[in-house]
Amino acid sequence: MHAPADPNTDPNSAPSADDVAGLDAAIAGDAAPAENTDAALGESLDRAISEDDTPPADAPVDEPAAVDPPAADPVPGSPEAAAAEAAAAADPNAPPAGDPAVPAPDAEVEAEITALGLKEKSAARFRELTAEVKELAPIREQLTAAGIKDLADLPRVIQRSRDADDLISMVQETGATPEQYGMTLDYLRVVNAAQNGDPQAAERALEMIMSEAQALAQALGREIPGVHDPIAAHQDLVDAVKAGEVDRARALEVANARTQSRALADRQRSQVSEQQTQQVAENARQQLIAYDQQMQADPQYVAKRPMLDALVSQIRQALPPQQWLAATQRAYASIPAPPAPPAPPAAPAVPAASPMRATGPRAPMTPTTFDTVEDALEAALSGR
């Protein structure tokens, strides 16, 4: 048996008598005019527009949708990276692959980032620090090779390097040769030792001083008793002084004039010799240039040229300029010939002329009338 349907809950149940009576009363009741209904509707609309849109305090507030953080770049060589490269290739608006402005990711660094589970900001900072470490690694190796293991020693080493550069510059400004600079240091050493009571060092210092004094007095033609006598180098003046023909002061003047004249001639000869040496070197260089231009006609010269250049550089350092050209020619002859280039491929064979086609000049086109189509075709094939 089924329970009777409840008219209040079952939509398929028939309306009760009370419901029908209520409906009849509503229909029979006084209805408002249409214009009143429109006015009421307008007032309701105005109220809806003028009301505050702020929801009540107890109304639920829609929360913004959560935004997923940007995914980290896929590890190079992984399936994800291959899929990303395929997607970029399929997208015509994607940036070109292998852009030189964008450095390629380091596979080891990316793998370590993935293993550590770093987020995007931490991964970016990790990449920067790794790049800085790689950039500074050669500098660290050079410092270690130079014996600098602590950064605190670096300012001291830099200052010592600057002091050494200043000292070398001062020595070079004096124009002293390495031998002269070494003698100067030796002199300072023996002088300081002599001041500390070393008699052998004092003797050595005196010998060095007397040797320099004699060289300077000889260059100036000046008399220093016991060190240098300018007249002794001129036997005619020595004999004239002994014979009383000239006094010693006049003999010193003549000896000094001769010394100065000889020194001037030596300087001029040195300058001329230097100019001649430069001219000889320039002539030899021009000969090598002319030889290079002349040998351009040799088909093997271009192939031998790199090896010849290295030999010519050694020749110019080891031999005088007068021998450069001959040595270069011998060096070129000693270089083995380069291998012959491969033969070019044979030209394709030209097919023979078809016997069905006329190869000579055609006969003049004279209108001809043929009785049949076969006669016209025969005439065309025979060239008539």
Protein backbone atom coordinates (compact mmCIF):
# COMPACT_ATOMS: atom_id res chain seq x y z
CA MET A 1 0.00 0.00 0.00
CA HIS A 2 1.15 3.52 -0.74
CA ALA A 3 0.84 6.44 1.63
CA PRO A 4 -1.53 9.20 0.51
CA ALA A 5 0.14 12.08 -1.19
CA ASP A 6 0.62 15.24 0.80
CA PRO A 7 -0.92 18.13 -1.08
CA ASN A 8 1.59 20.53 0.47
CA THR A 9 4.59 18.66 -0.83
CA ASP A 10 3.52 16.65 -3.85
CA PRO A 11 3.39 18.81 -7.01
CA ASN A 12 1.25 16.21 -8.80
CA SER A 13 -1.48 16.22 -6.13
CA ALA A 14 -4.78 17.97 -6.93
CA PRO A 15 -5.40 21.41 -5.33
CA SER A 16 -7.52 21.42 -2.22
CA ALA A 17 -10.79 23.30 -1.82
CA ASP A 18 -9.11 25.98 0.26
CA ASP A 19 -6.56 26.61 -2.45
CA VAL A 20 -9.27 26.96 -5.09
CA ALA A 21 -11.21 29.35 -2.89
CA GLY A 22 -8.12 31.48 -2.28
CA LEU A 23 -7.42 31.67 -5.99
CA ASP A 24 -10.98 32.68 -6.77
CA ALA A 25 -10.78 35.41 -4.16
CA ALA A 26 -7.59 36.77 -5.67
CA ILE A 27 -9.09 36.86 -9.14
CA ALA A 28 -12.27 38.47 -7.94
CA GLY A 29 -10.39 41.09 -5.88
CA ASP A 30 -9.86 44.73 -6.94
CA ALA A 31 -6.88 44.90 -9.28
CA ALA A 32 -4.70 48.05 -9.60
CA PRO A 33 -4.76 49.91 -12.94
CA ALA A 34 -2.00 49.26 -15.43
CA GLU A 35 -0.54 52.71 -14.99
CA ASN A 36 -0.27 52.21 -11.26
CA THR A 37 1.52 48.96 -11.88
CA ASP A 38 4.01 50.71 -14.20
CA ALA A 39 4.56 53.47 -11.65
CA ALA A 40 5.24 50.94 -8.94
CA LEU A 41 7.68 49.13 -11.20
CA GLY A 42 9.55 52.39 -11.94
CA GLU A 43 9.77 53.26 -8.26
CA SER A 44 11.14 49.80 -7.57
CA LEU A 45 13.75 50.23 -10.29
CA ASP A 46 14.81 53.64 -8.95
CA ARG A 47 15.24 52.19 -5.50
CA ALA A 48 17.35 49.37 -6.88
CA ILE A 49 19.62 51.81 -8.73
CA SER A 50 19.97 54.22 -5.82
CA GLU A 51 20.76 51.49 -3.31
CA ASP A 52 24.35 50.98 -2.17
CA ASP A 53 26.11 48.18 -4.02
CA THR A 54 28.12 47.31 -0.92
CA PRO A 55 27.18 43.81 0.12
CA PRO A 56 26.07 43.25 3.68
CA ALA A 57 28.64 42.41 6.29
CA ASP A 58 27.51 38.84 6.51
CA ALA A 59 27.58 38.31 2.74
CA PRO A 60 30.26 35.94 1.48
CA VAL A 61 33.29 37.63 -0.15
CA ASP A 62 34.67 36.15 -3.34
CA GLU A 63 38.36 35.42 -2.92
CA PRO A 64 40.70 36.06 -5.90
CA ALA A 65 41.73 33.01 -7.81
CA ALA A 66 45.10 31.64 -6.79
CA VAL A 67 47.89 32.28 -9.28
CA ASP A 68 50.36 29.47 -9.71
CA PRO A 69 54.03 30.54 -9.50
CA PRO A 70 55.94 30.44 -12.78
CA ALA A 71 57.39 27.07 -13.47
CA ALA A 72 61.16 26.68 -13.51
CA ASP A 73 62.95 26.18 -16.80
CA PRO A 74 63.16 22.52 -17.82
CA VAL A 75 66.50 20.77 -17.46
CA PRO A 76 68.34 20.64 -20.83
CA GLY A 77 68.18 17.16 -22.32
CA SER A 78 65.10 16.15 -20.34
CA PRO A 79 61.80 15.16 -21.98
CA GLU A 80 60.29 18.41 -20.72
CA ALA A 81 62.99 20.41 -22.48
CA ALA A 82 62.45 18.46 -25.71
CA ALA A 83 58.71 19.13 -25.52
CA ALA A 84 59.33 22.84 -24.91
CA GLU A 85 61.68 23.04 -27.90
CA ALA A 86 59.09 21.30 -30.10
CA ALA A 87 56.40 23.74 -28.95
CA ALA A 88 58.65 26.72 -29.63
CA ALA A 89 59.41 25.40 -33.12
CA ALA A 90 55.70 25.01 -33.84
CA ASP A 91 54.95 28.58 -32.68
CA PRO A 92 55.79 31.07 -35.46
CA ASN A 93 55.87 33.95 -32.95
CA ALA A 94 58.39 32.22 -30.68
CA PRO A 95 61.86 33.83 -30.45
CA PRO A 96 64.52 32.20 -32.62
CA ALA A 97 66.43 29.38 -31.02
CA GLY A 98 70.11 29.85 -30.26
CA ASP A 99 69.91 33.60 -29.71
CA PRO A 100 73.53 34.70 -28.95
CA ALA A 101 72.22 37.41 -26.60
CA VAL A 102 70.71 34.75 -24.31
CA PRO A 103 73.36 32.45 -22.80
CA ALA A 104 72.62 28.75 -22.91
CA PRO A 105 71.75 27.27 -19.50
CA ASP A 106 74.34 25.14 -17.77
CA ALA A 107 73.10 21.57 -17.54
CA GLU A 108 74.95 20.88 -14.28
CA VAL A 109 73.62 24.04 -12.64
CA GLU A 110 70.06 23.33 -13.76
CA ALA A 111 70.30 19.76 -12.53
CA GLU A 112 71.51 20.96 -9.13
CA ILE A 113 68.68 23.52 -8.95
CA THR A 114 66.20 20.74 -9.66
CA ALA A 115 67.81 18.48 -7.04
CA LEU A 116 67.67 21.24 -4.41
CA GLY A 117 64.07 22.10 -5.30
CA LEU A 118 64.76 25.84 -5.55
CA LYS A 119 62.00 28.26 -6.49
CA GLU A 120 62.36 30.75 -9.33
CA LYS A 121 63.94 33.63 -7.33
CA SER A 122 66.29 31.31 -5.47
CA ALA A 123 67.17 29.55 -8.71
CA ALA A 124 67.96 32.87 -10.42
CA ARG A 125 70.21 33.91 -7.53
CA PHE A 126 71.88 30.48 -7.60
CA ARG A 127 72.62 30.90 -11.32
CA GLU A 128 74.15 34.37 -10.70
CA LEU A 129 76.40 33.11 -7.92
CA THR A 130 77.49 30.13 -9.99
CA ALA A 131 78.35 32.39 -12.93
CA GLU A 132 80.39 34.69 -10.65
CA VAL A 133 82.31 31.73 -9.23
CA LYS A 134 83.16 30.49 -12.73
CA GLU A 135 84.21 33.97 -13.81
CA LEU A 136 86.51 34.43 -10.82
CA ALA A 137 88.00 30.94 -11.00
CA PRO A 138 90.82 31.88 -13.48
CA ILE A 139 91.73 34.91 -11.36
CA ARG A 140 91.93 32.72 -8.27
CA GLU A 141 94.19 30.28 -10.10
CA GLN A 142 96.52 33.07 -11.22
CA LEU A 143 96.74 34.48 -7.68
CA THR A 144 97.46 31.03 -6.26
CA ALA A 145 100.17 30.48 -8.88
CA ALA A 146 101.71 33.84 -7.87
CA GLY A 147 101.82 32.72 -4.23
CA ILE A 148 98.89 34.83 -3.03
CA LYS A 149 96.64 32.67 -0.90
CA ASP A 150 95.10 35.37 1.27
CA LEU A 151 93.27 38.42 -0.08
CA ALA A 152 94.84 40.48 2.70
CA ASP A 153 98.21 40.09 0.93
CA LEU A 154 96.89 41.44 -2.37
CA PRO A 155 97.23 45.21 -1.60
CA ARG A 156 100.81 44.67 -0.46
CA VAL A 157 101.71 42.73 -3.62
CA ILE A 158 100.11 45.38 -5.83
CA GLN A 159 102.04 48.14 -4.06
CA ARG A 160 105.32 46.25 -4.46
CA SER A 161 104.61 45.80 -8.17
CA ARG A 162 104.02 49.54 -8.53
CA ASP A 163 107.23 50.31 -6.68
CA ALA A 164 109.15 47.95 -8.96
CA ASP A 165 107.67 49.63 -12.05
CA ASP A 166 108.68 53.04 -10.71
CA LEU A 167 112.22 51.82 -10.04
CA ILE A 168 112.54 50.33 -13.53
CA SER A 169 111.27 53.58 -15.06
CA MET A 170 113.86 55.61 -13.13
CA VAL A 171 116.66 53.32 -14.28
CA GLN A 172 115.51 53.49 -17.90
CA GLU A 173 115.35 57.29 -17.76
CA THR A 174 119.06 57.40 -16.87
CA GLY A 175 119.93 55.59 -20.11
CA ALA A 176 122.13 53.13 -18.23
CA THR A 177 122.77 49.70 -19.65
CA PRO A 178 122.17 46.62 -17.48
CA GLU A 179 125.94 46.29 -17.00
CA GLN A 180 126.24 49.90 -15.83
CA TYR A 181 123.33 49.48 -13.44
CA GLY A 182 124.95 46.34 -12.03
CA MET A 183 128.25 48.18 -11.55
CA THR A 184 126.41 50.96 -9.74
CA LEU A 185 124.89 48.49 -7.32
CA ASP A 186 128.29 46.89 -6.79
CA TYR A 187 129.81 50.30 -6.05
CA LEU A 188 127.12 51.10 -3.49
CA ARG A 189 127.69 47.73 -1.85
CA VAL A 190 131.48 48.10 -1.53
CA VAL A 191 131.20 51.76 -0.42
CA ASN A 192 128.81 50.84 2.38
CA ALA A 193 131.07 47.96 3.37
CA ALA A 194 134.08 50.32 3.37
CA GLN A 195 132.23 52.71 5.67
CA ASN A 196 131.67 49.82 8.04
CA GLY A 197 135.45 49.22 8.27
CA ASP A 198 136.09 46.67 5.47
CA PRO A 199 139.55 47.58 3.97
CA GLN A 200 139.19 45.27 0.96
CA ALA A 201 135.86 46.85 0.08
CA ALA A 202 137.50 50.29 0.38
CA GLU A 203 140.24 49.26 -2.07
CA ARG A 204 137.66 47.98 -4.54
CA ALA A 205 135.66 51.20 -4.26
CA LEU A 206 138.77 53.30 -4.89
CA GLU A 207 139.65 51.29 -8.03
CA MET A 208 136.17 51.80 -9.38
CA ILE A 209 136.33 55.54 -8.69
CA MET A 210 139.76 55.92 -10.30
CA SER A 211 138.64 53.98 -13.39
CA GLU A 212 135.64 56.26 -13.88
CA ALA A 213 137.75 59.38 -13.22
CA GLN A 214 140.30 58.30 -15.82
CA ALA A 215 137.60 57.71 -18.45
CA LEU A 216 136.00 61.08 -17.81
CA ALA A 217 139.34 62.93 -17.80
CA GLN A 218 140.30 61.27 -21.09
CA ALA A 219 137.00 62.25 -22.67
CA LEU A 220 137.45 65.84 -21.53
CA GLY A 221 141.19 66.01 -22.23
CA ARG A 222 141.77 67.17 -18.70
CA GLU A 223 144.95 66.55 -16.73
CA ILE A 224 144.62 64.75 -13.39
CA PRO A 225 148.04 64.05 -11.81
CA GLY A 226 148.55 60.39 -11.17
CA VAL A 227 145.34 59.51 -13.07
CA HIS A 228 145.49 60.91 -16.62
CA ASP A 229 148.07 62.91 -18.59
CA PRO A 230 146.60 64.18 -21.90
CA ILE A 231 150.06 64.86 -23.39
CA ALA A 232 151.18 61.22 -22.92
CA ALA A 233 149.03 60.08 -25.86
CA HIS A 234 150.80 62.55 -28.26
CA GLN A 235 154.52 61.73 -28.62
CA ASP A 236 155.29 64.88 -30.63
CA LEU A 237 153.99 67.05 -27.80
CA VAL A 238 155.97 65.06 -25.25
CA ASP A 239 159.18 65.61 -27.25
CA ALA A 240 158.40 69.32 -27.76
CA VAL A 241 157.88 69.86 -24.03
CA LYS A 242 161.13 68.03 -23.21
CA ALA A 243 163.04 70.08 -25.82
CA GLY A 244 161.58 73.31 -24.44
CA GLU A 245 159.96 74.18 -27.74
CA VAL A 246 156.54 74.64 -26.13
CA ASP A 247 155.53 74.97 -22.55
CA ARG A 248 153.28 72.38 -20.88
CA ALA A 249 150.18 74.61 -20.81
CA ARG A 250 150.32 75.10 -24.60
CA ALA A 251 150.89 71.37 -25.08
CA LEU A 252 147.80 70.62 -22.94
CA GLU A 253 145.71 72.98 -25.11
CA VAL A 254 146.86 71.23 -28.30
CA ALA A 255 146.26 67.79 -26.81
CA ASN A 256 142.77 68.84 -25.63
CA ALA A 257 141.91 70.20 -29.11
CA ARG A 258 143.02 66.99 -30.76
CA THR A 259 140.97 64.91 -28.29
CA GLN A 260 137.82 66.95 -28.89
CA SER A 261 138.29 66.78 -32.67
CA ARG A 262 138.79 63.01 -32.52
CA ALA A 263 135.66 62.59 -30.35
CA LEU A 264 133.59 64.66 -32.80
CA ALA A 265 134.79 62.54 -35.72
CA ASP A 266 133.93 59.36 -33.84
CA ARG A 267 130.39 60.61 -33.18
CA GLN A 268 129.92 61.54 -36.81
CA ARG A 269 131.17 58.16 -37.98
CA SER A 270 128.80 56.49 -35.52
CA GLN A 271 125.85 58.47 -36.84
CA VAL A 272 126.78 57.72 -40.43
CA SER A 273 127.20 54.05 -39.62
CA GLU A 274 123.76 53.96 -37.95
CA GLN A 275 122.14 55.67 -40.94
CA GLN A 276 123.85 53.28 -43.31
CA THR A 277 122.66 50.32 -41.25
CA GLN A 278 119.08 51.58 -41.38
CA GLN A 279 119.35 52.17 -45.12
CA VAL A 280 120.72 48.69 -45.70
CA ALA A 281 117.88 47.19 -43.67
CA GLU A 282 115.32 49.20 -45.65
CA ASN A 283 116.83 48.08 -48.97
CA ALA A 284 116.70 44.46 -47.84
CA ARG A 285 113.07 44.86 -46.82
CA GLN A 286 112.19 46.31 -50.22
CA GLN A 287 113.92 43.35 -51.88
CA LEU A 288 111.73 40.96 -49.90
CA ILE A 289 108.60 42.89 -50.94
CA ALA A 290 109.63 42.73 -54.61
CA TYR A 291 110.36 39.00 -54.26
CA ASP A 292 106.91 38.45 -52.77
CA GLN A 293 105.24 40.26 -55.65
CA GLN A 294 107.30 38.37 -58.21
CA MET A 295 106.45 34.98 -56.71
CA GLN A 296 102.72 35.61 -56.88
CA ALA A 297 102.81 34.13 -60.38
CA ASP A 298 103.94 30.78 -58.95
CA PRO A 299 100.82 28.64 -58.35
CA GLN A 300 102.51 26.93 -55.37
CA TYR A 301 103.58 30.17 -53.71
CA VAL A 302 100.22 30.86 -52.07
CA ALA A 303 100.23 27.40 -50.46
CA LYS A 304 103.84 27.77 -49.26
CA ARG A 305 103.45 31.36 -48.07
CA PRO A 306 102.45 30.68 -44.41
CA MET A 307 105.48 28.45 -43.83
CA LEU A 308 107.73 30.87 -45.67
CA ASP A 309 106.60 33.78 -43.48
CA ALA A 310 107.69 31.92 -40.35
CA LEU A 311 111.11 31.17 -41.89
CA VAL A 312 111.60 34.79 -43.03
CA SER A 313 110.91 36.00 -39.48
CA GLN A 314 113.72 33.77 -38.20
CA ILE A 315 116.02 34.85 -41.03
CA ARG A 316 115.60 38.54 -40.23
CA GLN A 317 116.52 37.94 -36.60
CA ALA A 318 119.52 35.69 -37.24
CA LEU A 319 121.20 37.16 -40.34
CA PRO A 320 122.36 40.62 -41.45
CA PRO A 321 120.13 42.46 -43.93
CA GLN A 322 122.50 41.82 -46.85
CA GLN A 323 121.70 38.07 -46.62
CA TRP A 324 117.92 38.23 -46.21
CA LEU A 325 116.95 37.80 -49.86
CA ALA A 326 119.30 34.89 -50.61
CA ALA A 327 118.31 33.08 -47.42
CA THR A 328 114.62 33.59 -48.23
CA GLN A 329 115.08 32.08 -51.69
CA ARG A 330 116.84 29.05 -50.21
CA ALA A 331 114.11 28.68 -47.60
CA TYR A 332 111.39 28.72 -50.27
CA ALA A 333 113.20 26.07 -52.28
CA SER A 334 113.41 23.83 -49.19
CA ILE A 335 109.65 23.87 -48.56
CA PRO A 336 108.04 20.72 -50.02
CA ALA A 337 105.48 21.15 -52.76
CA PRO A 338 101.85 20.94 -51.60
CA PRO A 339 99.75 17.99 -52.78
CA ALA A 340 98.08 18.41 -56.16
CA PRO A 341 94.40 19.34 -56.03
CA PRO A 342 91.92 16.63 -57.08
CA ALA A 343 91.10 16.48 -60.78
CA PRO A 344 87.82 18.10 -61.75
CA PRO A 345 84.98 15.74 -62.63
CA ALA A 346 84.67 14.74 -66.28
CA ALA A 347 82.19 16.67 -68.36
CA PRO A 348 79.01 14.76 -69.16
CA ALA A 349 78.92 13.11 -72.58
CA VAL A 350 76.97 14.96 -75.25
CA PRO A 351 74.36 12.68 -76.85
CA ALA A 352 74.72 12.08 -80.60
CA ALA A 353 72.36 13.82 -82.97
CA SER A 354 69.18 11.90 -83.70
CA PRO A 355 69.04 10.44 -87.24
CA MET A 356 65.41 11.48 -87.40
CA ARG A 357 66.41 15.14 -87.18
CA ALA A 358 68.20 17.15 -89.82
CA THR A 359 71.49 18.58 -88.49
CA GLY A 360 72.34 20.83 -91.43
CA PRO A 361 70.68 24.04 -92.56
CA ARG A 362 67.08 23.67 -93.48
CA ALA A 363 65.84 24.05 -97.06
CA PRO A 364 63.81 27.11 -97.89
CA MET A 365 60.16 26.83 -96.97
CA THR A 366 58.39 26.43 -100.37
CA PRO A 367 54.65 25.82 -100.25
CA THR A 368 53.93 22.31 -101.54
CA THR A 369 50.62 20.57 -102.12
CA PHE A 370 50.36 16.89 -101.22
CA ASP A 371 47.70 14.50 -102.29
CA THR A 372 47.56 12.62 -98.99
CA VAL A 373 48.60 13.06 -95.36
CA GLU A 374 51.15 10.23 -95.71
CA ASP A 375 52.90 12.14 -98.53
CA ALA A 376 53.11 15.28 -96.37
CA LEU A 377 54.64 13.33 -93.44
CA GLU A 378 57.20 11.65 -95.69
CA ALA A 379 58.21 15.01 -97.11
CA ALA A 380 58.66 16.48 -93.60
CA LEU A 381 60.86 13.59 -92.45
CA SER A 382 63.00 13.70 -95.57
CA GLY A 383 63.55 17.44 -95.29
CA ARG A 384 61.92 18.35 -98.54
